[in-house]
Amino acid sequence: MPTEEKVMNCTVCGYEYDPTAGDPENGIPPGTYWKDIPDSWLCPDCHMPKEDFE
């Protein structure tokens, strides 16, 4: 499965970004692939940047 379709995990707090669910509370609609999330987006739980996800 390509990275953009996988669930991505915050390495700091464990938050899971699921592209099928998105992050609508923070402006990311369901169906948004990881590669399409702006670099300015932060983890909704611990506010770490996108680069701290794997």
PDB file of N, CA and C in Angstrom:
ATOM      1  N   MET A   1       0.857  -1.187   0.000  1.00  0.00           N
ATOM      2  CA  MET A   1       0.000   0.000   0.000  1.00  0.00           C
ATOM      3  C   MET A   1       0.897   1.242   0.000  1.00  0.00           C
ATOM      4  N   PRO A   2       0.643   2.169  -0.897  1.00  0.00           N
ATOM      5  CA  PRO A   2       1.442   3.408  -0.927  1.00  0.00           C
ATOM      6  C   PRO A   2       1.317   4.164   0.386  1.00  0.00           C
ATOM      7  N   THR A   3       2.363   4.898   0.738  1.00  0.00           N
ATOM      8  CA  THR A   3       2.403   5.647   1.994  1.00  0.00           C
ATOM      9  C   THR A   3       1.195   6.552   2.156  1.00  0.00           C
ATOM     10  N   GLU A   4       0.765   7.214   1.064  1.00  0.00           N
ATOM     11  CA  GLU A   4      -0.329   8.178   1.202  1.00  0.00           C
ATOM     12  C   GLU A   4      -1.639   7.531   1.624  1.00  0.00           C
ATOM     13  N   GLU A   5      -1.767   6.203   1.473  1.00  0.00           N
ATOM     14  CA  GLU A   5      -2.999   5.514   1.838  1.00  0.00           C
ATOM     15  C   GLU A   5      -2.916   4.862   3.206  1.00  0.00           C
ATOM     16  N   LYS A   6      -1.737   4.852   3.821  1.00  0.00           N
ATOM     17  CA  LYS A   6      -1.545   4.209   5.116  1.00  0.00           C
ATOM     18  C   LYS A   6      -1.957   5.131   6.253  1.00  0.00           C
ATOM     19  N   VAL A   7      -2.251   4.503   7.396  1.00  0.00           N
ATOM     20  CA  VAL A   7      -2.441   5.252   8.636  1.00  0.00           C
ATOM     21  C   VAL A   7      -1.051   5.689   9.089  1.00  0.00           C
ATOM     22  N   MET A   8      -0.907   6.972   9.380  1.00  0.00           N
ATOM     23  CA  MET A   8       0.375   7.517   9.824  1.00  0.00           C
ATOM     24  C   MET A   8       0.290   7.782  11.320  1.00  0.00           C
ATOM     25  N   ASN A   9       1.365   7.462  12.043  1.00  0.00           N
ATOM     26  CA  ASN A   9       1.380   7.586  13.496  1.00  0.00           C
ATOM     27  C   ASN A   9       2.341   8.666  13.947  1.00  0.00           C
ATOM     28  N   CYS A  10       1.892   9.483  14.904  1.00  0.00           N
ATOM     29  CA  CYS A  10       2.760  10.482  15.521  1.00  0.00           C
ATOM     30  C   CYS A  10       3.747   9.740  16.423  1.00  0.00           C
ATOM     31  N   THR A  11       5.035   9.978  16.208  1.00  0.00           N
ATOM     32  CA  THR A  11       6.051   9.289  17.002  1.00  0.00           C
ATOM     33  C   THR A  11       6.168   9.858  18.409  1.00  0.00           C
ATOM     34  N   VAL A  12       5.522  10.991  18.668  1.00  0.00           N
ATOM     35  CA  VAL A  12       5.589  11.617  19.988  1.00  0.00           C
ATOM     36  C   VAL A  12       4.442  11.139  20.883  1.00  0.00           C
ATOM     37  N   CYS A  13       3.206  11.218  20.387  1.00  0.00           N
ATOM     38  CA  CYS A  13       2.061  10.900  21.245  1.00  0.00           C
ATOM     39  C   CYS A  13       1.260   9.674  20.808  1.00  0.00           C
ATOM     40  N   GLY A  14       1.513   9.163  19.597  1.00  0.00           N
ATOM     41  CA  GLY A  14       0.800   7.983  19.130  1.00  0.00           C
ATOM     42  C   GLY A  14      -0.482   8.272  18.365  1.00  0.00           C
ATOM     43  N   TYR A  15      -0.832   9.549  18.157  1.00  0.00           N
ATOM     44  CA  TYR A  15      -2.022   9.889  17.370  1.00  0.00           C
ATOM     45  C   TYR A  15      -1.930   9.214  16.005  1.00  0.00           C
ATOM     46  N   GLU A  16      -3.045   8.677  15.528  1.00  0.00           N
ATOM     47  CA  GLU A  16      -3.089   8.035  14.221  1.00  0.00           C
ATOM     48  C   GLU A  16      -3.863   8.897  13.240  1.00  0.00           C
ATOM     49  N   TYR A  17      -3.200   9.245  12.126  1.00  0.00           N
ATOM     50  CA  TYR A  17      -3.905   9.943  11.049  1.00  0.00           C
ATOM     51  C   TYR A  17      -4.361   8.884  10.054  1.00  0.00           C
ATOM     52  N   ASP A  18      -5.670   8.757   9.909  1.00  0.00           N
ATOM     53  CA  ASP A  18      -6.267   7.813   8.962  1.00  0.00           C
ATOM     54  C   ASP A  18      -6.833   8.616   7.804  1.00  0.00           C
ATOM     55  N   PRO A  19      -6.303   8.403   6.580  1.00  0.00           N
ATOM     56  CA  PRO A  19      -6.778   9.201   5.442  1.00  0.00           C
ATOM     57  C   PRO A  19      -8.270   9.027   5.155  1.00  0.00           C
ATOM     58  N   THR A  20      -8.857   7.899   5.515  1.00  0.00           N
ATOM     59  CA  THR A  20     -10.292   7.727   5.266  1.00  0.00           C
ATOM     60  C   THR A  20     -11.119   8.610   6.194  1.00  0.00           C
ATOM     61  N   ALA A  21     -10.581   8.925   7.378  1.00  0.00           N
ATOM     62  CA  ALA A  21     -11.291   9.777   8.336  1.00  0.00           C
ATOM     63  C   ALA A  21     -10.876  11.239   8.213  1.00  0.00           C
ATOM     64  N   GLY A  22      -9.626  11.487   7.784  1.00  0.00           N
ATOM     65  CA  GLY A  22      -9.116  12.851   7.718  1.00  0.00           C
ATOM     66  C   GLY A  22      -8.990  13.453   9.114  1.00  0.00           C
ATOM     67  N   ASP A  23      -9.015  14.753   9.170  1.00  0.00           N
ATOM     68  CA  ASP A  23      -8.986  15.508  10.436  1.00  0.00           C
ATOM     69  C   ASP A  23      -9.877  16.730  10.245  1.00  0.00           C
ATOM     70  N   PRO A  24     -11.200  16.487  10.087  1.00  0.00           N
ATOM     71  CA  PRO A  24     -12.118  17.581   9.755  1.00  0.00           C
ATOM     72  C   PRO A  24     -12.116  18.730  10.759  1.00  0.00           C
ATOM     73  N   GLU A  25     -11.860  18.442  12.025  1.00  0.00           N
ATOM     74  CA  GLU A  25     -11.838  19.504  13.040  1.00  0.00           C
ATOM     75  C   GLU A  25     -10.710  20.491  12.788  1.00  0.00           C
ATOM     76  N   ASN A  26      -9.696  20.066  12.024  1.00  0.00           N
ATOM     77  CA  ASN A  26      -8.553  20.927  11.728  1.00  0.00           C
ATOM     78  C   ASN A  26      -8.409  21.191  10.228  1.00  0.00           C
ATOM     79  N   GLY A  27      -9.522  21.089   9.499  1.00  0.00           N
ATOM     80  CA  GLY A  27      -9.548  21.486   8.103  1.00  0.00           C
ATOM     81  C   GLY A  27      -9.080  20.451   7.095  1.00  0.00           C
ATOM     82  N   ILE A  28      -8.914  19.187   7.522  1.00  0.00           N
ATOM     83  CA  ILE A  28      -8.481  18.136   6.610  1.00  0.00           C
ATOM     84  C   ILE A  28      -9.674  17.194   6.383  1.00  0.00           C
ATOM     85  N   PRO A  29     -10.314  17.265   5.216  1.00  0.00           N
ATOM     86  CA  PRO A  29     -11.512  16.451   4.983  1.00  0.00           C
ATOM     87  C   PRO A  29     -11.191  14.963   4.842  1.00  0.00           C
ATOM     88  N   PRO A  30     -12.178  14.099   5.126  1.00  0.00           N
ATOM     89  CA  PRO A  30     -11.999  12.665   4.906  1.00  0.00           C
ATOM     90  C   PRO A  30     -11.565  12.402   3.461  1.00  0.00           C
ATOM     91  N   GLY A  31     -10.697  11.416   3.292  1.00  0.00           N
ATOM     92  CA  GLY A  31     -10.211  11.063   1.970  1.00  0.00           C
ATOM     93  C   GLY A  31      -8.940  11.803   1.572  1.00  0.00           C
ATOM     94  N   THR A  32      -8.382  12.605   2.481  1.00  0.00           N
ATOM     95  CA  THR A  32      -7.163  13.362   2.181  1.00  0.00           C
ATOM     96  C   THR A  32      -5.945  12.487   2.440  1.00  0.00           C
ATOM     97  N   TYR A  33      -5.181  12.234   1.386  1.00  0.00           N
ATOM     98  CA  TYR A  33      -3.956  11.445   1.524  1.00  0.00           C
ATOM     99  C   TYR A  33      -2.903  12.231   2.281  1.00  0.00           C
ATOM    100  N   TRP A  34      -1.993  11.502   2.909  1.00  0.00           N
ATOM    101  CA  TRP A  34      -0.918  12.102   3.694  1.00  0.00           C
ATOM    102  C   TRP A  34      -0.128  13.116   2.886  1.00  0.00           C
ATOM    103  N   LYS A  35       0.187  12.772   1.640  1.00  0.00           N
ATOM    104  CA  LYS A  35       0.994  13.663   0.791  1.00  0.00           C
ATOM    105  C   LYS A  35       0.269  14.972   0.488  1.00  0.00           C
ATOM    106  N   ASP A  36      -1.052  14.988   0.635  1.00  0.00           N
ATOM    107  CA  ASP A  36      -1.837  16.182   0.315  1.00  0.00           C
ATOM    108  C   ASP A  36      -2.111  17.079   1.529  1.00  0.00           C
ATOM    109  N   ILE A  37      -1.663  16.658   2.697  1.00  0.00           N
ATOM    110  CA  ILE A  37      -1.832  17.486   3.894  1.00  0.00           C
ATOM    111  C   ILE A  37      -0.758  18.570   3.875  1.00  0.00           C
ATOM    112  N   PRO A  38      -1.121  19.818   4.127  1.00  0.00           N
ATOM    113  CA  PRO A  38      -0.119  20.895   4.128  1.00  0.00           C
ATOM    114  C   PRO A  38       0.967  20.645   5.174  1.00  0.00           C
ATOM    115  N   ASP A  39       2.182  21.063   4.878  1.00  0.00           N
ATOM    116  CA  ASP A  39       3.293  20.905   5.816  1.00  0.00           C
ATOM    117  C   ASP A  39       3.067  21.694   7.100  1.00  0.00           C
ATOM    118  N   SER A  40       2.175  22.667   7.065  1.00  0.00           N
ATOM    119  CA  SER A  40       1.890  23.482   8.247  1.00  0.00           C
ATOM    120  C   SER A  40       0.939  22.782   9.235  1.00  0.00           C
ATOM    121  N   TRP A  41       0.338  21.646   8.810  1.00  0.00           N
ATOM    122  CA  TRP A  41      -0.576  20.903   9.686  1.00  0.00           C
ATOM    123  C   TRP A  41       0.197  20.351  10.873  1.00  0.00           C
ATOM    124  N   LEU A  42      -0.428  20.380  12.053  1.00  0.00           N
ATOM    125  CA  LEU A  42       0.188  19.856  13.272  1.00  0.00           C
ATOM    126  C   LEU A  42      -0.672  18.743  13.849  1.00  0.00           C
ATOM    127  N   CYS A  43      -0.028  17.831  14.561  1.00  0.00           N
ATOM    128  CA  CYS A  43      -0.748  16.760  15.244  1.00  0.00           C
ATOM    129  C   CYS A  43      -1.821  17.394  16.127  1.00  0.00           C
ATOM    130  N   PRO A  44      -3.074  16.962  16.001  1.00  0.00           N
ATOM    131  CA  PRO A  44      -4.133  17.576  16.797  1.00  0.00           C
ATOM    132  C   PRO A  44      -4.005  17.298  18.296  1.00  0.00           C
ATOM    133  N   ASP A  45      -3.252  16.259  18.676  1.00  0.00           N
ATOM    134  CA  ASP A  45      -3.123  15.939  20.100  1.00  0.00           C
ATOM    135  C   ASP A  45      -1.925  16.611  20.765  1.00  0.00           C
ATOM    136  N   CYS A  46      -0.751  16.589  20.102  1.00  0.00           N
ATOM    137  CA  CYS A  46       0.452  17.115  20.767  1.00  0.00           C
ATOM    138  C   CYS A  46       1.103  18.274  20.016  1.00  0.00           C
ATOM    139  N   HIS A  47       0.541  18.637  18.859  1.00  0.00           N
ATOM    140  CA  HIS A  47       0.971  19.801  18.077  1.00  0.00           C
ATOM    141  C   HIS A  47       2.375  19.666  17.480  1.00  0.00           C
ATOM    142  N   MET A  48       2.816  18.430  17.268  1.00  0.00           N
ATOM    143  CA  MET A  48       4.097  18.218  16.609  1.00  0.00           C
ATOM    144  C   MET A  48       3.870  18.292  15.099  1.00  0.00           C
ATOM    145  N   PRO A  49       4.905  18.636  14.341  1.00  0.00           N
ATOM    146  CA  PRO A  49       4.748  18.783  12.883  1.00  0.00           C
ATOM    147  C   PRO A  49       4.635  17.444  12.165  1.00  0.00           C
ATOM    148  N   LYS A  50       4.201  17.540  10.934  1.00  0.00           N
ATOM    149  CA  LYS A  50       4.000  16.382  10.064  1.00  0.00           C
ATOM    150  C   LYS A  50       5.246  15.499   9.968  1.00  0.00           C
ATOM    151  N   GLU A  51       6.422  16.093  10.052  1.00  0.00           N
ATOM    152  CA  GLU A  51       7.671  15.333   9.924  1.00  0.00           C
ATOM    153  C   GLU A  51       7.896  14.363  11.084  1.00  0.00           C
ATOM    154  N   ASP A  52       7.119  14.490  12.175  1.00  0.00           N
ATOM    155  CA  ASP A  52       7.250  13.580  13.299  1.00  0.00           C
ATOM    156  C   ASP A  52       6.296  12.386  13.206  1.00  0.00           C
ATOM    157  N   PHE A  53       5.760  12.140  12.021  1.00  0.00           N
ATOM    158  CA  PHE A  53       4.896  10.987  11.791  1.00  0.00           C
ATOM    159  C   PHE A  53       5.638   9.957  10.952  1.00  0.00           C
ATOM    160  N   GLU A  54       5.276   8.693  11.178  1.00  0.00           N
ATOM    161  CA  GLU A  54       5.830   7.627  10.328  1.00  0.00           C
ATOM    162  C   GLU A  54       4.764   6.582  10.073  1.00  0.00           C
TER     163      GLU A  54
END
